[in-house]
N, C-alpha and C. Protein backbone atom coordinates (compact mmCIF):
# COMPACT_ATOMS: atom_id res chain seq x y z
N MET A 1 -0.29 -0.47 -17.26
CA MET A 1 -0.60 0.53 -16.25
C MET A 1 -1.68 -0.01 -15.30
N ILE A 2 -1.66 0.55 -14.12
CA ILE A 2 -2.66 0.22 -13.11
C ILE A 2 -3.10 1.54 -12.48
N SER A 3 -4.34 1.61 -12.10
CA SER A 3 -4.85 2.85 -11.52
C SER A 3 -4.67 2.86 -10.01
N PRO A 4 -4.62 4.05 -9.42
CA PRO A 4 -4.57 4.14 -7.97
C PRO A 4 -5.75 3.44 -7.29
N ILE A 5 -6.91 3.48 -7.91
CA ILE A 5 -8.09 2.82 -7.34
C ILE A 5 -7.89 1.31 -7.30
N GLU A 6 -7.29 0.73 -8.36
CA GLU A 6 -7.03 -0.71 -8.36
C GLU A 6 -6.06 -1.09 -7.25
N ILE A 7 -5.04 -0.26 -7.05
CA ILE A 7 -4.08 -0.53 -5.98
C ILE A 7 -4.78 -0.46 -4.63
N GLU A 8 -5.60 0.55 -4.45
CA GLU A 8 -6.35 0.67 -3.19
C GLU A 8 -7.19 -0.58 -2.94
N ARG A 9 -7.85 -1.07 -3.95
CA ARG A 9 -8.69 -2.27 -3.80
C ARG A 9 -7.87 -3.49 -3.42
N LEU A 10 -6.69 -3.64 -4.03
CA LEU A 10 -5.82 -4.77 -3.71
C LEU A 10 -5.37 -4.73 -2.25
N VAL A 11 -5.00 -3.54 -1.79
CA VAL A 11 -4.57 -3.40 -0.40
C VAL A 11 -5.74 -3.67 0.54
N LEU A 12 -6.90 -3.14 0.22
CA LEU A 12 -8.08 -3.35 1.07
C LEU A 12 -8.51 -4.82 1.11
N ALA A 13 -8.30 -5.54 0.03
CA ALA A 13 -8.63 -6.97 0.01
C ALA A 13 -7.73 -7.73 0.99
N ALA A 14 -6.48 -7.29 1.12
CA ALA A 14 -5.53 -7.96 2.01
C ALA A 14 -5.59 -7.43 3.44
N ILE A 15 -5.93 -6.15 3.58
CA ILE A 15 -5.96 -5.49 4.89
C ILE A 15 -7.30 -4.74 4.98
N PRO A 16 -8.38 -5.45 5.27
CA PRO A 16 -9.73 -4.88 5.17
C PRO A 16 -10.00 -3.64 6.02
N ASP A 17 -9.34 -3.51 7.16
CA ASP A 17 -9.63 -2.36 8.02
C ASP A 17 -8.81 -1.13 7.64
N ALA A 18 -8.01 -1.23 6.59
CA ALA A 18 -7.06 -0.17 6.25
C ALA A 18 -7.72 1.09 5.70
N GLU A 19 -7.06 2.18 5.97
CA GLU A 19 -7.33 3.45 5.29
C GLU A 19 -6.17 3.58 4.31
N VAL A 20 -6.47 3.69 3.02
CA VAL A 20 -5.44 3.64 1.99
C VAL A 20 -5.50 4.90 1.14
N ARG A 21 -4.32 5.49 0.91
CA ARG A 21 -4.21 6.63 -0.01
C ARG A 21 -3.11 6.31 -1.01
N VAL A 22 -3.44 6.34 -2.29
CA VAL A 22 -2.49 6.01 -3.34
C VAL A 22 -2.30 7.23 -4.23
N THR A 23 -1.04 7.57 -4.49
CA THR A 23 -0.70 8.70 -5.34
C THR A 23 0.19 8.21 -6.48
N ASP A 24 -0.18 8.57 -7.71
CA ASP A 24 0.67 8.28 -8.87
C ASP A 24 1.76 9.34 -8.88
N MET A 25 2.99 8.93 -8.58
CA MET A 25 4.09 9.89 -8.38
C MET A 25 4.58 10.54 -9.67
N THR A 26 4.41 9.89 -10.82
CA THR A 26 4.97 10.42 -12.06
C THR A 26 3.92 10.68 -13.13
N GLY A 27 2.70 10.23 -12.92
CA GLY A 27 1.66 10.38 -13.91
C GLY A 27 1.71 9.32 -15.01
N THR A 28 2.58 8.33 -14.84
CA THR A 28 2.75 7.29 -15.86
C THR A 28 2.03 6.00 -15.51
N GLY A 29 1.42 5.92 -14.33
CA GLY A 29 0.67 4.74 -13.94
C GLY A 29 1.52 3.54 -13.56
N ASP A 30 2.79 3.81 -13.18
CA ASP A 30 3.63 2.68 -12.76
C ASP A 30 4.56 3.01 -11.58
N HIS A 31 4.52 4.24 -11.07
CA HIS A 31 5.30 4.65 -9.90
C HIS A 31 4.32 5.25 -8.89
N PHE A 32 4.20 4.61 -7.73
CA PHE A 32 3.17 5.03 -6.78
C PHE A 32 3.72 5.24 -5.37
N GLU A 33 3.04 6.11 -4.66
CA GLU A 33 3.24 6.25 -3.22
C GLU A 33 1.96 5.71 -2.59
N VAL A 34 2.11 4.78 -1.64
CA VAL A 34 0.96 4.16 -0.99
C VAL A 34 1.07 4.37 0.51
N LYS A 35 0.09 5.06 1.08
CA LYS A 35 0.04 5.25 2.53
C LYS A 35 -1.09 4.38 3.07
N VAL A 36 -0.75 3.55 4.05
CA VAL A 36 -1.73 2.62 4.62
C VAL A 36 -1.75 2.79 6.13
N VAL A 37 -2.93 3.02 6.67
CA VAL A 37 -3.13 3.11 8.11
C VAL A 37 -4.02 1.95 8.52
N SER A 38 -3.55 1.14 9.46
CA SER A 38 -4.32 -0.03 9.88
C SER A 38 -4.02 -0.40 11.32
N ALA A 39 -5.05 -0.76 12.05
CA ALA A 39 -4.86 -1.27 13.40
C ALA A 39 -4.13 -2.62 13.36
N GLY A 40 -4.20 -3.30 12.24
CA GLY A 40 -3.52 -4.58 12.07
C GLY A 40 -2.01 -4.47 12.10
N PHE A 41 -1.49 -3.26 12.00
CA PHE A 41 -0.05 -3.04 12.06
C PHE A 41 0.46 -2.95 13.51
N ARG A 42 -0.46 -2.81 14.45
CA ARG A 42 -0.08 -2.66 15.85
C ARG A 42 0.79 -3.83 16.30
N GLY A 43 1.93 -3.52 16.88
CA GLY A 43 2.84 -4.54 17.40
C GLY A 43 3.76 -5.15 16.35
N LYS A 44 3.61 -4.74 15.10
CA LYS A 44 4.46 -5.26 14.03
C LYS A 44 5.56 -4.25 13.71
N SER A 45 6.71 -4.76 13.29
CA SER A 45 7.80 -3.87 12.87
C SER A 45 7.42 -3.19 11.55
N ILE A 46 8.10 -2.11 11.23
CA ILE A 46 7.88 -1.43 9.95
C ILE A 46 8.10 -2.41 8.80
N LEU A 47 9.13 -3.23 8.91
CA LEU A 47 9.43 -4.22 7.86
C LEU A 47 8.23 -5.17 7.67
N ASP A 48 7.67 -5.66 8.76
CA ASP A 48 6.51 -6.56 8.66
C ASP A 48 5.28 -5.84 8.10
N GLN A 49 5.11 -4.59 8.48
CA GLN A 49 4.00 -3.80 7.95
C GLN A 49 4.14 -3.65 6.43
N HIS A 50 5.34 -3.32 5.99
CA HIS A 50 5.58 -3.14 4.55
C HIS A 50 5.43 -4.46 3.80
N LYS A 51 5.84 -5.56 4.41
CA LYS A 51 5.66 -6.87 3.78
C LYS A 51 4.18 -7.15 3.55
N MET A 52 3.34 -6.76 4.48
CA MET A 52 1.90 -6.97 4.33
C MET A 52 1.38 -6.25 3.09
N VAL A 53 1.85 -5.02 2.89
CA VAL A 53 1.42 -4.24 1.73
C VAL A 53 2.01 -4.82 0.45
N PHE A 54 3.30 -5.15 0.47
CA PHE A 54 3.93 -5.74 -0.71
C PHE A 54 3.25 -7.05 -1.12
N GLU A 55 2.86 -7.86 -0.15
CA GLU A 55 2.18 -9.12 -0.47
C GLU A 55 0.86 -8.86 -1.20
N ALA A 56 0.18 -7.78 -0.83
CA ALA A 56 -1.07 -7.43 -1.50
C ALA A 56 -0.84 -7.02 -2.94
N LEU A 57 0.34 -6.46 -3.22
CA LEU A 57 0.64 -5.93 -4.55
C LEU A 57 1.57 -6.83 -5.36
N GLU A 58 1.97 -7.95 -4.78
CA GLU A 58 3.02 -8.81 -5.36
C GLU A 58 2.77 -9.15 -6.83
N LYS A 59 1.59 -9.59 -7.16
CA LYS A 59 1.31 -9.99 -8.54
C LYS A 59 1.45 -8.81 -9.50
N GLU A 60 0.96 -7.66 -9.09
CA GLU A 60 1.03 -6.48 -9.95
C GLU A 60 2.46 -5.93 -10.05
N MET A 61 3.28 -6.20 -9.04
CA MET A 61 4.68 -5.74 -9.07
C MET A 61 5.47 -6.50 -10.15
N GLU A 62 4.96 -7.65 -10.56
CA GLU A 62 5.65 -8.42 -11.58
C GLU A 62 5.59 -7.78 -12.95
N ASN A 63 4.52 -7.01 -13.23
CA ASN A 63 4.42 -6.45 -14.58
C ASN A 63 3.74 -5.09 -14.71
N ARG A 64 2.94 -4.68 -13.77
CA ARG A 64 2.21 -3.41 -13.94
C ARG A 64 2.71 -2.28 -13.06
N ILE A 65 3.40 -2.60 -11.99
CA ILE A 65 3.92 -1.56 -11.09
C ILE A 65 5.44 -1.63 -11.13
N HIS A 66 6.05 -0.51 -11.45
CA HIS A 66 7.52 -0.47 -11.50
C HIS A 66 8.13 -0.12 -10.14
N ALA A 67 7.49 0.82 -9.43
CA ALA A 67 8.05 1.27 -8.15
C ALA A 67 6.94 1.67 -7.20
N VAL A 68 7.16 1.36 -5.91
CA VAL A 68 6.19 1.72 -4.88
C VAL A 68 6.95 2.25 -3.67
N LYS A 69 6.51 3.41 -3.21
CA LYS A 69 7.01 3.97 -1.96
C LYS A 69 5.89 3.74 -0.95
N ILE A 70 6.21 3.06 0.13
CA ILE A 70 5.17 2.69 1.11
C ILE A 70 5.40 3.41 2.42
N LYS A 71 4.31 3.93 2.97
CA LYS A 71 4.32 4.48 4.33
C LYS A 71 3.20 3.79 5.08
N THR A 72 3.52 3.22 6.22
CA THR A 72 2.52 2.54 7.04
C THR A 72 2.49 3.14 8.43
N GLN A 73 1.28 3.14 9.00
CA GLN A 73 1.08 3.65 10.35
C GLN A 73 -0.10 2.94 11.00
N THR A 74 -0.08 2.91 12.31
CA THR A 74 -1.27 2.49 13.05
C THR A 74 -2.16 3.72 13.19
N PRO A 75 -3.43 3.54 13.53
CA PRO A 75 -4.30 4.71 13.73
C PRO A 75 -3.76 5.67 14.78
N VAL A 76 -3.14 5.16 15.85
CA VAL A 76 -2.58 6.02 16.90
C VAL A 76 -1.47 6.88 16.34
N GLU A 77 -0.61 6.30 15.51
CA GLU A 77 0.50 7.05 14.92
C GLU A 77 0.02 8.08 13.91
N ASN A 78 -1.15 7.84 13.32
CA ASN A 78 -1.69 8.73 12.28
C ASN A 78 -2.33 9.98 12.86
N ASN A 79 -2.64 9.99 14.15
CA ASN A 79 -3.28 11.16 14.78
C ASN A 79 -2.32 12.25 15.10
């Protein structure tokens, strides 16, 4: 299992300016919804934005995270 706080830290290490919200979708510590808002997403496709988040979680996806639902936005889109 991994905690939402650990996931938040991993994403922030990769995307320092991000605002991150992590929700444990099932209460089992292995299915999460991750919302990331970052100016670094500006000009990038949704696919590229999601790749940035997946890269931050890649190691944990191998054994501690079973499923992740990702939502990404720029600060302008979040308002």
